[in-house]
């Protein structure tokens, strides 16, 4: 018995959603596989979102955000220890390096990022350009010739 999931029925009446198939395949594979550090994805209103990453022990200089080809990557590096004479009896605050990736939908942009009380807040906003917004198409008259 095959465990493959066919997307064909969803695409019968859809045009231009080819990337959806890739998204579903990536979700099924669970490429990330890591839950460190913990994070929340919040929705504030219709077009505003926030990603909150628990970055306890990290400073702004230890964190990096990058957006490339619609993927937001948040990475943190372990900073150099200035006091090597410390012996931990218990070390429960993990400060290991991490990398989180979030695929952004079309027209989603990073508005700002701030590290507050050990939480990295990344505010996102959907900015839909006028040409991408719905518009009413009048019916009537002759069609202009298509240019090639």
N, C-alpha and C. Protein backbone atom coordinates (compact mmCIF):
# COMPACT_ATOMS: atom_id res chain seq x y z
N UNK A 1 0.84 -1.17 0.00
CA UNK A 1 0.00 0.00 0.00
C UNK A 1 0.89 1.24 0.00
N UNK A 2 0.59 2.18 -0.84
CA UNK A 2 1.39 3.39 -0.97
C UNK A 2 0.95 4.43 0.05
N UNK A 3 1.94 5.14 0.62
CA UNK A 3 1.63 6.22 1.55
C UNK A 3 1.76 7.58 0.89
N UNK A 4 1.97 7.59 -0.42
CA UNK A 4 2.11 8.86 -1.15
C UNK A 4 0.78 9.59 -1.17
N UNK A 5 0.84 10.87 -1.04
CA UNK A 5 -0.35 11.71 -1.04
C UNK A 5 -0.44 12.43 -2.38
N UNK A 6 -1.51 12.20 -3.10
CA UNK A 6 -1.66 12.81 -4.42
C UNK A 6 -2.33 14.17 -4.30
N UNK A 7 -1.69 15.17 -4.89
CA UNK A 7 -2.23 16.52 -4.87
C UNK A 7 -3.07 16.80 -6.12
N UNK A 8 -3.14 15.87 -7.04
CA UNK A 8 -3.81 16.08 -8.32
C UNK A 8 -5.24 16.60 -8.18
N UNK A 9 -6.08 16.05 -7.28
CA UNK A 9 -7.45 16.58 -7.19
C UNK A 9 -7.51 18.05 -6.79
N UNK A 10 -6.54 18.51 -6.01
CA UNK A 10 -6.54 19.91 -5.58
C UNK A 10 -6.17 20.86 -6.71
N UNK A 11 -5.43 20.36 -7.70
CA UNK A 11 -4.93 21.21 -8.78
C UNK A 11 -5.85 21.24 -10.00
N UNK A 12 -6.95 20.51 -9.98
CA UNK A 12 -7.85 20.46 -11.14
C UNK A 12 -8.40 21.84 -11.49
N UNK A 13 -8.71 22.64 -10.49
CA UNK A 13 -9.28 23.96 -10.73
C UNK A 13 -8.37 25.06 -10.23
N UNK A 14 -7.09 24.78 -10.14
CA UNK A 14 -6.12 25.76 -9.65
C UNK A 14 -5.03 25.97 -10.69
N UNK A 15 -4.62 27.20 -10.81
CA UNK A 15 -3.56 27.55 -11.75
C UNK A 15 -2.48 28.32 -11.00
N UNK A 16 -1.24 27.91 -11.17
CA UNK A 16 -0.13 28.63 -10.58
C UNK A 16 0.18 28.27 -9.15
N UNK A 17 -0.34 27.15 -8.66
CA UNK A 17 -0.08 26.74 -7.28
C UNK A 17 0.90 25.58 -7.22
N UNK A 18 1.82 25.55 -8.15
CA UNK A 18 2.76 24.44 -8.23
C UNK A 18 3.62 24.32 -6.97
N UNK A 19 3.92 25.44 -6.33
CA UNK A 19 4.78 25.41 -5.15
C UNK A 19 4.10 24.77 -3.95
N UNK A 20 2.76 24.72 -3.96
CA UNK A 20 2.05 24.09 -2.85
C UNK A 20 2.48 22.64 -2.68
N UNK A 21 2.64 21.95 -3.78
CA UNK A 21 3.05 20.55 -3.72
C UNK A 21 4.39 20.43 -3.00
N UNK A 22 5.32 21.32 -3.30
CA UNK A 22 6.62 21.31 -2.63
C UNK A 22 6.48 21.57 -1.14
N UNK A 23 5.57 22.48 -0.77
CA UNK A 23 5.36 22.78 0.64
C UNK A 23 4.83 21.56 1.39
N UNK A 24 3.87 20.87 0.80
CA UNK A 24 3.31 19.68 1.44
C UNK A 24 4.35 18.58 1.57
N UNK A 25 5.15 18.38 0.54
CA UNK A 25 6.19 17.36 0.60
C UNK A 25 7.21 17.67 1.67
N UNK A 26 7.59 18.95 1.79
CA UNK A 26 8.55 19.34 2.82
C UNK A 26 7.96 19.14 4.22
N UNK A 27 6.67 19.44 4.37
CA UNK A 27 6.02 19.25 5.67
C UNK A 27 5.96 17.77 6.03
N UNK A 28 5.67 16.93 5.06
CA UNK A 28 5.61 15.50 5.32
C UNK A 28 6.99 14.93 5.67
N UNK A 29 8.04 15.45 5.03
CA UNK A 29 9.40 15.01 5.32
C UNK A 29 9.88 15.56 6.65
N UNK A 30 9.32 16.71 7.05
CA UNK A 30 9.73 17.41 8.27
C UNK A 30 11.23 17.66 8.25
N UNK A 31 11.64 18.46 7.26
CA UNK A 31 13.06 18.75 7.06
C UNK A 31 13.72 19.33 8.30
N UNK A 32 13.01 20.17 9.02
CA UNK A 32 13.63 20.82 10.17
C UNK A 32 13.98 19.79 11.24
N UNK A 33 12.99 19.02 11.68
CA UNK A 33 13.24 17.95 12.62
C UNK A 33 13.68 18.40 14.01
N UNK A 34 13.92 19.66 14.24
CA UNK A 34 14.40 20.15 15.51
C UNK A 34 13.35 21.04 16.16
N UNK A 35 13.27 20.95 17.47
CA UNK A 35 12.33 21.81 18.19
C UNK A 35 13.09 22.82 19.06
N UNK A 36 14.38 22.97 18.80
CA UNK A 36 15.17 23.94 19.57
C UNK A 36 15.55 25.09 18.68
N UNK A 37 15.41 26.29 19.14
CA UNK A 37 14.73 26.69 20.36
C UNK A 37 13.22 26.72 20.14
N UNK A 38 12.45 26.66 21.21
CA UNK A 38 11.00 26.73 21.03
C UNK A 38 10.59 28.08 20.47
N UNK A 39 9.48 28.08 19.72
CA UNK A 39 9.00 29.32 19.12
C UNK A 39 7.48 29.28 18.99
N UNK A 40 6.89 30.45 18.86
CA UNK A 40 5.46 30.62 18.61
C UNK A 40 5.29 31.37 17.30
N UNK A 41 4.21 31.09 16.60
CA UNK A 41 3.81 31.87 15.44
C UNK A 41 2.44 32.43 15.77
N UNK A 42 2.34 33.76 15.79
CA UNK A 42 1.12 34.44 16.20
C UNK A 42 0.53 35.23 15.04
N UNK A 43 -0.80 35.35 15.05
CA UNK A 43 -1.47 36.18 14.05
C UNK A 43 -2.12 37.35 14.78
N UNK A 44 -1.80 38.56 14.35
CA UNK A 44 -2.34 39.78 14.93
C UNK A 44 -3.08 40.52 13.83
N UNK A 45 -4.38 40.37 13.74
CA UNK A 45 -5.14 41.02 12.68
C UNK A 45 -5.05 40.22 11.39
N UNK A 46 -5.59 40.79 10.32
CA UNK A 46 -5.65 40.09 9.04
C UNK A 46 -4.31 39.98 8.34
N UNK A 47 -3.47 40.99 8.46
CA UNK A 47 -2.24 41.03 7.69
C UNK A 47 -0.98 41.18 8.53
N UNK A 48 -1.05 40.88 9.82
CA UNK A 48 0.11 41.03 10.68
C UNK A 48 0.37 39.75 11.45
N UNK A 49 1.64 39.35 11.49
CA UNK A 49 2.05 38.11 12.15
C UNK A 49 3.28 38.40 13.00
N UNK A 50 3.55 37.50 13.94
CA UNK A 50 4.75 37.62 14.76
C UNK A 50 5.29 36.22 15.03
N UNK A 51 6.59 36.08 14.88
CA UNK A 51 7.28 34.87 15.28
C UNK A 51 8.05 35.23 16.55
N UNK A 52 7.84 34.45 17.60
CA UNK A 52 8.52 34.68 18.87
C UNK A 52 9.40 33.47 19.14
N UNK A 53 10.71 33.71 19.19
CA UNK A 53 11.69 32.65 19.41
C UNK A 53 12.28 32.81 20.81
N UNK A 54 12.26 31.72 21.60
CA UNK A 54 12.86 31.74 22.92
C UNK A 54 14.37 31.69 22.77
N UNK A 55 15.01 32.83 22.97
CA UNK A 55 16.46 32.95 22.77
C UNK A 55 17.16 33.28 24.08
N UNK A 56 16.83 32.51 25.10
CA UNK A 56 17.42 32.76 26.43
C UNK A 56 18.94 32.61 26.36
N UNK A 57 19.63 33.59 26.91
CA UNK A 57 21.09 33.54 26.96
C UNK A 57 21.77 34.09 25.74
N UNK A 58 21.02 34.41 24.70
CA UNK A 58 21.62 34.98 23.49
C UNK A 58 21.51 36.51 23.53
N UNK A 59 22.51 37.15 22.96
CA UNK A 59 22.49 38.59 22.79
C UNK A 59 22.22 38.91 21.33
N UNK A 60 21.91 40.17 21.04
CA UNK A 60 21.61 40.57 19.65
C UNK A 60 22.74 40.19 18.71
N UNK A 61 23.98 40.33 19.15
CA UNK A 61 25.12 40.02 18.29
C UNK A 61 25.23 38.53 17.99
N UNK A 62 24.58 37.68 18.80
CA UNK A 62 24.63 36.22 18.60
C UNK A 62 23.60 35.74 17.59
N UNK A 63 22.65 36.59 17.23
CA UNK A 63 21.53 36.20 16.38
C UNK A 63 21.63 36.83 15.00
N UNK A 64 21.12 36.10 14.00
CA UNK A 64 21.12 36.61 12.63
C UNK A 64 19.81 36.24 11.95
N UNK A 65 19.24 37.22 11.25
CA UNK A 65 18.03 37.00 10.46
C UNK A 65 18.35 37.28 9.01
N UNK A 66 17.80 36.43 8.13
CA UNK A 66 18.05 36.61 6.70
C UNK A 66 16.82 36.13 5.94
N UNK A 67 16.43 36.89 4.90
CA UNK A 67 15.35 36.48 4.02
C UNK A 67 15.93 36.29 2.63
N UNK A 68 15.71 35.09 2.10
CA UNK A 68 16.19 34.80 0.75
C UNK A 68 15.19 33.88 0.06
N UNK A 69 14.72 34.32 -1.10
CA UNK A 69 13.77 33.55 -1.91
C UNK A 69 12.54 33.12 -1.12
N UNK A 70 12.01 34.02 -0.33
CA UNK A 70 10.79 33.73 0.42
C UNK A 70 10.97 32.85 1.64
N UNK A 71 12.21 32.65 2.08
CA UNK A 71 12.46 31.86 3.28
C UNK A 71 13.17 32.73 4.31
N UNK A 72 12.56 32.85 5.48
CA UNK A 72 13.17 33.58 6.59
C UNK A 72 13.98 32.58 7.40
N UNK A 73 15.26 32.87 7.58
CA UNK A 73 16.14 32.01 8.36
C UNK A 73 16.59 32.77 9.60
N UNK A 74 16.39 32.16 10.75
CA UNK A 74 16.82 32.71 12.03
C UNK A 74 17.89 31.77 12.55
N UNK A 75 19.08 32.31 12.80
CA UNK A 75 20.16 31.47 13.32
C UNK A 75 20.81 32.14 14.52
N UNK A 76 21.31 31.31 15.39
CA UNK A 76 21.99 31.80 16.58
C UNK A 76 23.25 31.00 16.79
N UNK A 77 24.30 31.70 17.13
CA UNK A 77 25.58 31.04 17.36
C UNK A 77 25.97 31.13 18.81
N UNK A 78 26.66 30.13 19.27
CA UNK A 78 27.13 30.13 20.65
C UNK A 78 28.26 31.13 20.78
N UNK A 79 28.11 32.06 21.69
CA UNK A 79 29.14 33.07 21.84
C UNK A 79 30.30 32.53 22.65
N UNK A 80 31.42 33.18 22.50
CA UNK A 80 32.62 32.77 23.22
C UNK A 80 32.45 33.02 24.72
N UNK A 81 32.87 32.08 25.47
CA UNK A 81 32.83 32.22 26.93
C UNK A 81 34.01 33.07 27.38
N UNK A 82 33.72 34.15 28.09
CA UNK A 82 34.81 35.00 28.56
C UNK A 82 35.44 34.42 29.83
N UNK A 83 34.67 33.66 30.61
CA UNK A 83 35.18 33.09 31.85
C UNK A 83 35.22 31.58 31.74
N UNK A 84 36.36 31.05 31.38
CA UNK A 84 36.51 29.60 31.19
C UNK A 84 36.71 28.86 32.51
N UNK A 85 36.82 29.60 33.63
CA UNK A 85 37.04 28.97 34.93
C UNK A 85 35.73 28.50 35.57
N UNK A 86 34.62 28.66 34.87
CA UNK A 86 33.32 28.29 35.43
C UNK A 86 33.09 26.80 35.24
N UNK A 87 32.69 26.13 36.31
CA UNK A 87 32.28 24.73 36.24
C UNK A 87 30.80 24.69 36.54
N UNK A 88 30.02 24.18 35.61
CA UNK A 88 28.57 24.12 35.80
C UNK A 88 28.20 22.88 36.59
N UNK A 89 27.51 23.05 37.68
CA UNK A 89 26.97 21.93 38.44
C UNK A 89 25.69 21.43 37.77
N UNK A 90 24.96 22.36 37.15
CA UNK A 90 23.79 22.03 36.32
C UNK A 90 23.67 23.12 35.28
N UNK A 91 23.58 22.73 34.02
CA UNK A 91 23.42 23.71 32.95
C UNK A 91 22.13 23.39 32.19
N UNK A 92 21.06 24.07 32.58
CA UNK A 92 19.75 23.83 31.99
C UNK A 92 19.41 24.80 30.88
N UNK A 93 20.18 25.87 30.76
CA UNK A 93 19.94 26.86 29.69
C UNK A 93 20.84 26.48 28.51
N UNK A 94 20.22 25.94 27.50
CA UNK A 94 20.98 25.51 26.32
C UNK A 94 21.33 26.74 25.49
N UNK A 95 22.58 26.89 25.18
CA UNK A 95 23.02 27.99 24.33
C UNK A 95 23.73 27.44 23.11
N UNK A 96 23.23 26.33 22.62
CA UNK A 96 23.85 25.73 21.44
C UNK A 96 23.39 26.47 20.19
N UNK A 97 24.16 26.30 19.14
CA UNK A 97 23.82 26.95 17.87
C UNK A 97 22.52 26.37 17.33
N UNK A 98 21.75 27.20 16.62
CA UNK A 98 20.50 26.74 16.04
C UNK A 98 20.26 27.44 14.71
N UNK A 99 19.34 26.86 13.95
CA UNK A 99 18.92 27.45 12.69
C UNK A 99 17.47 27.06 12.45
N UNK A 100 16.60 28.07 12.37
CA UNK A 100 15.18 27.85 12.09
C UNK A 100 14.86 28.48 10.74
N UNK A 101 14.04 27.81 9.96
CA UNK A 101 13.62 28.35 8.66
C UNK A 101 12.11 28.40 8.58
N UNK A 102 11.60 29.50 8.05
CA UNK A 102 10.17 29.70 7.88
C UNK A 102 9.91 30.13 6.45
N UNK A 103 9.05 29.41 5.74
CA UNK A 103 8.70 29.79 4.38
C UNK A 103 7.61 30.85 4.45
N UNK A 104 7.86 31.98 3.82
CA UNK A 104 6.92 33.10 3.85
C UNK A 104 6.02 33.05 2.62
N UNK A 105 4.76 33.34 2.81
CA UNK A 105 3.82 33.41 1.70
C UNK A 105 4.14 34.64 0.86
N UNK A 106 3.56 34.70 -0.32
CA UNK A 106 3.76 35.85 -1.19
C UNK A 106 3.34 37.13 -0.47
N UNK A 107 4.10 38.17 -0.66
CA UNK A 107 3.84 39.53 -0.15
C UNK A 107 4.02 39.66 1.36
N UNK A 108 4.58 38.65 2.03
CA UNK A 108 4.87 38.76 3.46
C UNK A 108 6.29 39.31 3.60
N UNK A 109 6.42 40.37 4.40
CA UNK A 109 7.70 41.03 4.59
C UNK A 109 8.02 41.15 6.07
N UNK A 110 9.31 41.13 6.41
CA UNK A 110 9.72 41.34 7.79
C UNK A 110 9.67 42.83 8.06
N UNK A 111 8.90 43.19 9.06
CA UNK A 111 8.72 44.60 9.41
C UNK A 111 9.81 45.06 10.38
N UNK A 112 10.05 44.25 11.43
CA UNK A 112 11.10 44.58 12.40
C UNK A 112 11.37 43.34 13.25
N UNK A 113 12.51 43.39 13.95
CA UNK A 113 12.88 42.32 14.87
C UNK A 113 13.50 42.96 16.11
N UNK A 114 13.19 42.40 17.27
CA UNK A 114 13.72 42.94 18.52
C UNK A 114 13.89 41.81 19.53
N UNK A 115 14.97 41.89 20.31
CA UNK A 115 15.23 40.94 21.38
C UNK A 115 14.82 41.60 22.69
N UNK A 116 13.75 41.06 23.32
CA UNK A 116 13.22 41.65 24.54
C UNK A 116 13.03 40.54 25.57
N UNK A 117 13.69 40.69 26.72
CA UNK A 117 13.56 39.73 27.83
C UNK A 117 13.81 38.29 27.40
N UNK A 118 14.79 38.06 26.56
CA UNK A 118 15.13 36.71 26.13
C UNK A 118 14.26 36.15 25.03
N UNK A 119 13.36 36.96 24.49
CA UNK A 119 12.48 36.54 23.39
C UNK A 119 12.79 37.37 22.16
N UNK A 120 13.06 36.70 21.06
CA UNK A 120 13.28 37.37 19.79
C UNK A 120 11.92 37.51 19.11
N UNK A 121 11.45 38.74 18.97
CA UNK A 121 10.17 39.02 18.33
C UNK A 121 10.42 39.48 16.90
N UNK A 122 9.85 38.76 15.94
CA UNK A 122 9.99 39.10 14.53
C UNK A 122 8.60 39.43 14.01
N UNK A 123 8.38 40.71 13.70
CA UNK A 123 7.08 41.15 13.20
C UNK A 123 7.05 41.07 11.68
N UNK A 124 5.98 40.48 11.16
CA UNK A 124 5.79 40.31 9.73
C UNK A 124 4.50 41.00 9.32
N UNK A 125 4.47 41.48 8.09
CA UNK A 125 3.27 42.14 7.57
C UNK A 125 3.06 41.71 6.13
N UNK A 126 1.79 41.58 5.74
CA UNK A 126 1.46 41.27 4.36
C UNK A 126 1.19 42.59 3.64
N UNK A 127 2.04 42.91 2.65
CA UNK A 127 1.87 44.11 1.82
C UNK A 127 1.52 43.66 0.41
N UNK A 128 0.24 43.68 0.10
CA UNK A 128 -0.21 43.26 -1.22
C UNK A 128 -0.21 44.48 -2.14
N UNK A 129 0.57 44.44 -3.23
CA UNK A 129 0.59 45.57 -4.15
C UNK A 129 -0.76 45.72 -4.86
N UNK A 130 -1.03 46.92 -5.31
CA UNK A 130 -2.31 47.20 -5.97
C UNK A 130 -2.60 46.27 -7.13
N UNK A 131 -1.56 45.95 -7.92
CA UNK A 131 -1.78 45.09 -9.09
C UNK A 131 -2.14 43.66 -8.70
N UNK A 132 -1.90 43.27 -7.46
CA UNK A 132 -2.23 41.92 -7.02
C UNK A 132 -3.57 41.84 -6.29
N UNK A 133 -4.17 42.99 -5.99
CA UNK A 133 -5.45 43.01 -5.30
C UNK A 133 -6.58 42.69 -6.29
N UNK A 134 -7.70 42.17 -5.76
CA UNK A 134 -8.82 41.85 -6.65
C UNK A 134 -9.33 43.10 -7.37
N UNK A 135 -9.72 42.91 -8.61
CA UNK A 135 -10.28 44.03 -9.37
C UNK A 135 -11.45 43.52 -10.18
N UNK A 136 -12.42 44.35 -10.38
CA UNK A 136 -13.62 43.99 -11.13
C UNK A 136 -13.33 44.15 -12.62
N UNK A 137 -13.69 43.15 -13.37
CA UNK A 137 -13.49 43.15 -14.82
C UNK A 137 -14.84 43.42 -15.47
N UNK A 138 -14.97 44.53 -16.17
CA UNK A 138 -16.25 44.83 -16.83
C UNK A 138 -16.49 43.89 -18.01
N UNK A 139 -17.73 43.56 -18.23
CA UNK A 139 -18.11 42.71 -19.34
C UNK A 139 -18.77 43.56 -20.40
N UNK A 140 -18.35 43.36 -21.63
CA UNK A 140 -18.96 44.11 -22.73
C UNK A 140 -17.90 44.66 -23.64
N UNK A 141 -18.30 44.98 -24.84
CA UNK A 141 -17.37 45.53 -25.81
C UNK A 141 -16.55 44.43 -26.46
N UNK A 142 -15.67 44.83 -27.31
CA UNK A 142 -14.83 43.88 -28.03
C UNK A 142 -13.53 43.66 -27.29
N UNK A 143 -12.96 42.48 -27.45
CA UNK A 143 -11.68 42.17 -26.86
C UNK A 143 -10.56 42.75 -27.72
N UNK A 144 -9.57 43.37 -27.10
CA UNK A 144 -8.43 43.83 -27.88
C UNK A 144 -7.61 42.61 -28.36
N UNK A 145 -6.92 42.77 -29.45
CA UNK A 145 -6.09 41.68 -29.96
C UNK A 145 -4.94 41.41 -29.00
N UNK A 146 -4.61 40.15 -28.82
CA UNK A 146 -3.50 39.78 -27.95
C UNK A 146 -2.19 40.05 -28.64
N UNK A 147 -1.26 40.62 -27.91
CA UNK A 147 0.06 40.88 -28.48
C UNK A 147 0.97 39.72 -28.14
N UNK A 148 1.82 39.36 -29.09
CA UNK A 148 2.76 38.25 -28.86
C UNK A 148 4.16 38.75 -28.84
